[in-house]
Structures are given as structure tokens and as C-alpha cells.
C-alpha atoms as a PDB file:
ATOM      1  CA  MET A   1      37.980 157.907-149.280  1.00  0.00           C
ATOM      2  CA  PRO A   2      38.222 159.598-145.865  1.00  0.00           C
ATOM      3  CA  ASP A   3      37.894 157.560-142.679  1.00  0.00           C
ATOM      4  CA  LYS A   4      34.372 157.473-141.262  1.00  0.00           C
ATOM      5  CA  ILE A   5      33.114 157.517-137.693  1.00  0.00           C
ATOM      6  CA  GLU A   6      29.617 156.850-136.426  1.00  0.00           C
ATOM      7  CA  ALA A   7      27.515 158.465-133.734  1.00  0.00           C
ATOM      8  CA  LYS A   8      24.796 156.219-132.319  1.00  0.00           C
ATOM      9  CA  VAL A   9      21.867 157.084-130.060  1.00  0.00           C
ATOM     10  CA  THR A  10      18.802 155.167-128.926  1.00  0.00           C
ATOM     11  CA  HIS A  11      15.463 156.413-127.608  1.00  0.00           C
ATOM     12  CA  ARG A  12      12.296 154.655-126.459  1.00  0.00           C
ATOM     13  CA  PHE A  13       8.936 156.125-127.443  1.00  0.00           C
ATOM     14  CA  LYS A  14       5.486 155.364-126.041  1.00  0.00           C
ATOM     15  CA  ALA A  15       4.111 156.011-129.543  1.00  0.00           C
ATOM     16  CA  SER A  16       3.881 153.241-132.142  1.00  0.00           C
ATOM     17  CA  PRO A  17       6.531 152.837-134.848  1.00  0.00           C
ATOM     18  CA  GLU A  18       4.032 154.170-137.419  1.00  0.00           C
ATOM     19  CA  ARG A  19       3.375 157.351-135.411  1.00  0.00           C
ATOM     20  CA  VAL A  20       7.098 157.959-134.885  1.00  0.00           C
ATOM     21  CA  TYR A  21       7.856 157.396-138.587  1.00  0.00           C
ATOM     22  CA  ASP A  22       5.012 159.673-139.709  1.00  0.00           C
ATOM     23  CA  ALA A  23       5.963 162.417-137.234  1.00  0.00           C
ATOM     24  CA  TYR A  24       9.454 162.607-138.702  1.00  0.00           C
ATOM     25  CA  LEU A  25       8.177 163.137-142.239  1.00  0.00           C
ATOM     26  CA  ASP A  26       5.098 165.341-141.738  1.00  0.00           C
ATOM     27  CA  PRO A  27       6.120 169.018-142.176  1.00  0.00           C
ATOM     28  CA  GLN A  28       3.505 170.406-139.755  1.00  0.00           C
ATOM     29  CA  ARG A  29       4.408 167.945-137.018  1.00  0.00           C
ATOM     30  CA  ALA A  30       8.120 168.309-137.761  1.00  0.00           C
ATOM     31  CA  ARG A  31       7.774 172.034-137.059  1.00  0.00           C
ATOM     32  CA  LEU A  32       6.486 171.151-133.588  1.00  0.00           C
ATOM     33  CA  TRP A  33       9.258 168.704-132.726  1.00  0.00           C
ATOM     34  CA  GLN A  34      11.910 170.957-134.248  1.00  0.00           C
ATOM     35  CA  GLN A  35      10.790 173.767-131.926  1.00  0.00           C
ATOM     36  CA  ALA A  36      10.763 171.300-129.011  1.00  0.00           C
ATOM     37  CA  TRP A  37      14.268 170.156-130.036  1.00  0.00           C
ATOM     38  CA  LEU A  38      15.539 173.726-129.894  1.00  0.00           C
ATOM     39  CA  GLN A  39      14.113 174.069-126.381  1.00  0.00           C
ATOM     40  CA  GLN A  40      15.549 170.659-125.317  1.00  0.00           C
ATOM     41  CA  SER A  41      18.957 171.869-126.555  1.00  0.00           C
ATOM     42  CA  GLY A  42      18.717 175.075-124.559  1.00  0.00           C
ATOM     43  CA  LEU A  43      18.615 177.162-127.738  1.00  0.00           C
ATOM     44  CA  LYS A  44      16.324 180.143-127.958  1.00  0.00           C
ATOM     45  CA  GLY A  45      16.298 179.920-131.736  1.00  0.00           C
ATOM     46  CA  GLU A  46      13.230 180.527-133.836  1.00  0.00           C
ATOM     47  CA  LEU A  47      12.340 177.940-136.461  1.00  0.00           C
ATOM     48  CA  THR A  48      12.376 179.732-139.826  1.00  0.00           C
ATOM     49  CA  GLN A  49      11.988 176.879-142.333  1.00  0.00           C
ATOM     50  CA  CYS A  50      10.729 173.314-142.288  1.00  0.00           C
ATOM     51  CA  GLN A  51      10.432 171.805-145.753  1.00  0.00           C
ATOM     52  CA  ILE A  52      10.056 168.072-146.323  1.00  0.00           C
ATOM     53  CA  ASP A  53       9.461 166.179-149.570  1.00  0.00           C
ATOM     54  CA  PRO A  54       8.909 162.713-148.027  1.00  0.00           C
ATOM     55  CA  VAL A  55       9.829 160.481-150.975  1.00  0.00           C
ATOM     56  CA  GLU A  56      13.065 158.642-151.773  1.00  0.00           C
ATOM     57  CA  GLY A  57      15.198 161.202-153.580  1.00  0.00           C
ATOM     58  CA  GLY A  58      13.143 164.021-152.022  1.00  0.00           C
ATOM     59  CA  SER A  59      14.841 166.764-150.063  1.00  0.00           C
ATOM     60  CA  PHE A  60      14.363 168.447-146.709  1.00  0.00           C
ATOM     61  CA  LEU A  61      15.489 171.696-145.097  1.00  0.00           C
ATOM     62  CA  PHE A  62      15.326 172.669-141.436  1.00  0.00           C
ATOM     63  CA  ALA A  63      16.492 176.162-140.506  1.00  0.00           C
ATOM     64  CA  ASP A  64      16.379 178.214-137.348  1.00  0.00           C
ATOM     65  CA  ARG A  65      17.584 181.647-136.346  1.00  0.00           C
ATOM     66  CA  ARG A  66      20.045 181.667-133.452  1.00  0.00           C
ATOM     67  CA  GLU A  67      22.034 184.346-131.666  1.00  0.00           C
ATOM     68  CA  ASP A  68      24.970 183.831-134.027  1.00  0.00           C
ATOM     69  CA  GLY A  69      22.914 183.628-137.250  1.00  0.00           C
ATOM     70  CA  GLU A  70      20.831 181.093-139.132  1.00  0.00           C
ATOM     71  CA  ALA A  71      21.538 177.365-138.692  1.00  0.00           C
ATOM     72  CA  ARG A  72      20.556 175.272-141.725  1.00  0.00           C
ATOM     73  CA  HIS A  73      20.335 171.477-141.990  1.00  0.00           C
ATOM     74  CA  TRP A  74      19.424 169.869-145.295  1.00  0.00           C
ATOM     75  CA  GLY A  75      19.734 166.696-147.294  1.00  0.00           C
ATOM     76  CA  THR A  76      18.071 164.061-149.454  1.00  0.00           C
ATOM     77  CA  PHE A  77      16.084 160.999-148.435  1.00  0.00           C
ATOM     78  CA  GLN A  78      17.973 157.838-149.400  1.00  0.00           C
ATOM     79  CA  ALA A  79      15.528 155.236-148.020  1.00  0.00           C
ATOM     80  CA  LEU A  80      11.984 155.450-146.682  1.00  0.00           C
ATOM     81  CA  HIS A  81      10.508 152.144-145.474  1.00  0.00           C
ATOM     82  CA  ARG A  82       7.423 152.789-143.337  1.00  0.00           C
ATOM     83  CA  PRO A  83       7.491 152.219-140.403  1.00  0.00           C
ATOM     84  CA  SER A  84      10.977 150.771-139.928  1.00  0.00           C
ATOM     85  CA  LYS A  85      13.645 152.901-141.633  1.00  0.00           C
ATOM     86  CA  ILE A  86      14.453 156.457-142.672  1.00  0.00           C
ATOM     87  CA  ALA A  87      17.860 157.249-144.191  1.00  0.00           C
ATOM     88  CA  PHE A  88      19.057 160.613-145.464  1.00  0.00           C
ATOM     89  CA  THR A  89      22.109 162.681-146.202  1.00  0.00           C
ATOM     90  CA  TRP A  90      22.853 165.394-143.630  1.00  0.00           C
ATOM     91  CA  ILE A  91      24.483 168.674-144.601  1.00  0.00           C
ATOM     92  CA  THR A  92      25.090 171.755-142.469  1.00  0.00           C
ATOM     93  CA  ASP A  93      27.491 173.648-144.721  1.00  0.00           C
ATOM     94  CA  PRO A  94      27.738 173.917-148.540  1.00  0.00           C
ATOM     95  CA  SER A  95      31.294 172.506-148.332  1.00  0.00           C
ATOM     96  CA  GLN A  96      29.730 169.149-147.341  1.00  0.00           C
ATOM     97  CA  GLU A  97      27.602 168.860-150.513  1.00  0.00           C
ATOM     98  CA  GLU A  98      30.128 166.597-152.292  1.00  0.00           C
ATOM     99  CA  ASP A  99      30.563 164.218-149.340  1.00  0.00           C
ATOM    100  CA  PRO A 100      27.596 164.543-146.978  1.00  0.00           C
ATOM    101  CA  SER A 101      27.223 162.544-143.819  1.00  0.00           C
ATOM    102  CA  LEU A 102      24.558 159.829-143.708  1.00  0.00           C
ATOM    103  CA  VAL A 103      21.890 159.417-141.033  1.00  0.00           C
ATOM    104  CA  THR A 104      19.975 156.154-140.710  1.00  0.00           C
ATOM    105  CA  ILE A 105      17.044 155.840-138.331  1.00  0.00           C
ATOM    106  CA  ILE A 106      15.900 152.314-137.488  1.00  0.00           C
ATOM    107  CA  ILE A 107      12.453 152.142-135.849  1.00  0.00           C
ATOM    108  CA  GLU A 108      11.500 148.912-134.097  1.00  0.00           C
ATOM    109  CA  PRO A 109       8.486 147.914-132.019  1.00  0.00           C
ATOM    110  CA  GLU A 110       9.051 148.118-128.256  1.00  0.00           C
ATOM    111  CA  PRO A 111       9.642 144.508-127.151  1.00  0.00           C
ATOM    112  CA  ASP A 112       7.543 144.869-123.972  1.00  0.00           C
ATOM    113  CA  GLY A 113       4.795 147.251-125.017  1.00  0.00           C
ATOM    114  CA  PRO A 114       3.009 149.212-127.695  1.00  0.00           C
ATOM    115  CA  GLY A 115       5.767 151.787-128.211  1.00  0.00           C
ATOM    116  CA  ALA A 116       8.814 152.065-130.452  1.00  0.00           C
ATOM    117  CA  VAL A 117      12.573 152.061-130.078  1.00  0.00           C
ATOM    118  CA  ILE A 118      14.637 154.247-132.384  1.00  0.00           C
ATOM    119  CA  THR A 119      18.312 153.664-133.023  1.00  0.00           C
ATOM    120  CA  LEU A 120      19.859 156.544-134.957  1.00  0.00           C
ATOM    121  CA  TYR A 121      23.235 156.172-136.671  1.00  0.00           C
ATOM    122  CA  HIS A 122      25.084 159.221-138.019  1.00  0.00           C
ATOM    123  CA  GLU A 123      28.047 158.277-140.211  1.00  0.00           C
ATOM    124  CA  MET A 124      30.422 161.169-140.864  1.00  0.00           C
ATOM    125  CA  ASP A 125      34.011 161.950-141.777  1.00  0.00           C
ATOM    126  CA  ALA A 126      36.524 161.192-139.029  1.00  0.00           C
ATOM    127  CA  GLN A 127      37.538 164.875-139.095  1.00  0.00           C
ATOM    128  CA  TRP A 128      34.387 165.490-137.001  1.00  0.00           C
ATOM    129  CA  ALA A 129      35.544 163.186-134.168  1.00  0.00           C
ATOM    130  CA  GLU A 130      35.880 166.105-131.737  1.00  0.00           C
ATOM    131  CA  ALA A 131      32.208 166.946-132.350  1.00  0.00           C
ATOM    132  CA  MET A 132      30.980 163.378-131.752  1.00  0.00           C
ATOM    133  CA  GLN A 133      29.604 163.952-128.238  1.00  0.00           C
ATOM    134  CA  GLN A 134      27.864 167.174-129.273  1.00  0.00           C
ATOM    135  CA  THR A 135      26.395 165.380-132.308  1.00  0.00           C
ATOM    136  CA  GLU A 136      25.012 162.625-130.080  1.00  0.00           C
ATOM    137  CA  ARG A 137      23.605 165.162-127.590  1.00  0.00           C
ATOM    138  CA  SER A 138      21.916 167.028-130.443  1.00  0.00           C
ATOM    139  CA  TRP A 139      20.285 163.867-131.830  1.00  0.00           C
ATOM    140  CA  ILE A 140      19.131 162.857-128.329  1.00  0.00           C
ATOM    141  CA  ALA A 141      17.583 166.307-127.868  1.00  0.00           C
ATOM    142  CA  MET A 142      15.875 166.000-131.270  1.00  0.00           C
ATOM    143  CA  LEU A 143      14.412 162.602-130.360  1.00  0.00           C
ATOM    144  CA  MET A 144      13.293 163.927-126.968  1.00  0.00           C
ATOM    145  CA  GLY A 145      11.630 166.864-128.729  1.00  0.00           C
ATOM    146  CA  MET A 146       9.809 164.471-131.033  1.00  0.00           C
ATOM    147  CA  ASP A 147       8.783 162.328-128.062  1.00  0.00           C
ATOM    148  CA  ALA A 148       7.412 165.386-126.212  1.00  0.00           C
ATOM    149  CA  MET A 149       5.402 166.362-129.293  1.00  0.00           C
ATOM    150  CA  LEU A 150       3.982 162.831-129.670  1.00  0.00           C
ATOM    151  CA  ILE A 151       3.049 162.682-125.957  1.00  0.00           C
ATOM    152  CA  ALA A 152       1.301 166.063-126.253  1.00  0.00           C
ATOM    153  CA  GLU A 153      -0.684 164.742-129.234  1.00  0.00           C
ATOM    154  CA  GLY A 154      -1.918 161.865-127.056  1.00  0.00           C
END
């Protein structure tokens, strides 16, 4: 078994844990935060696909068109415990199908208010160590995109 490394990011939301959890799994709302994520990342990509089957064992696919081609991210939900946990495999290339990375999102109530705190863990093969900082920046941008969408919803 290859060595594993783990990216970890945290983000505070003004929205409740239930709203954050639901926003991640609702395809229409996910389209909005995915587009916001692309903008947060400085990418001018166009979201082309956003498919979510929000059940344990269900799959998802996010795809966007970028200057250098289509970027695809897909996987399978491993755990869905509303409103506290979402876990899924994360694949960006067919070569990763046999040994995908694992993303676990822990959603907790904000200790001093009505909001939520997300801690996201991304466990991956150690061969991706050089990409660790970029992986963390990408997840932070995704969470910021989701936060912007939730704030806009009110």
C-alpha cells in the first residue's frame, strides 16, 4: 500500500451546518458554488457538468472547460451523515480509479454563533506531495465559493 499524505483546510461559514451540508449535495446550488469556485481560483472556465446522486454509494461528476481542455472531477459518496459529515472518493484521471483519494468533510456548529465550521481532509498518495499546497488552495477556493453562494442566498 502506497504511503498517504493528507491536505487539511478549515473554513467558517455564517450559514448553519444544515445549509452548508445541503448546498454541497444539491445539484442546482452546487452549480452556483462551482462557478464561484472557478472565479475564486482565477479560472475563466465554464462549468459543463454538475451531476450529483446524493446517497451513500451514489456518484458525482463536476466538469469545466478551461483553456487547456476539460477538467473532470468525479467519485462516489462513502458517507453522508446530515449535517455533520460528507465523505467521498476523489478522482481527476482514469488512472486513479483503482486507488482514488478520499475526501472527508466534517461540519460542526460554530462555537460562538449560528454558523458552521468545516474541516476538510483530503487523503491522497504521497506521490502528490508536490501538489499539496495547490490542493489546499483549491479546496479553500471551493469553500469560499460555497460561502459566497450561501451569503448571496441570504
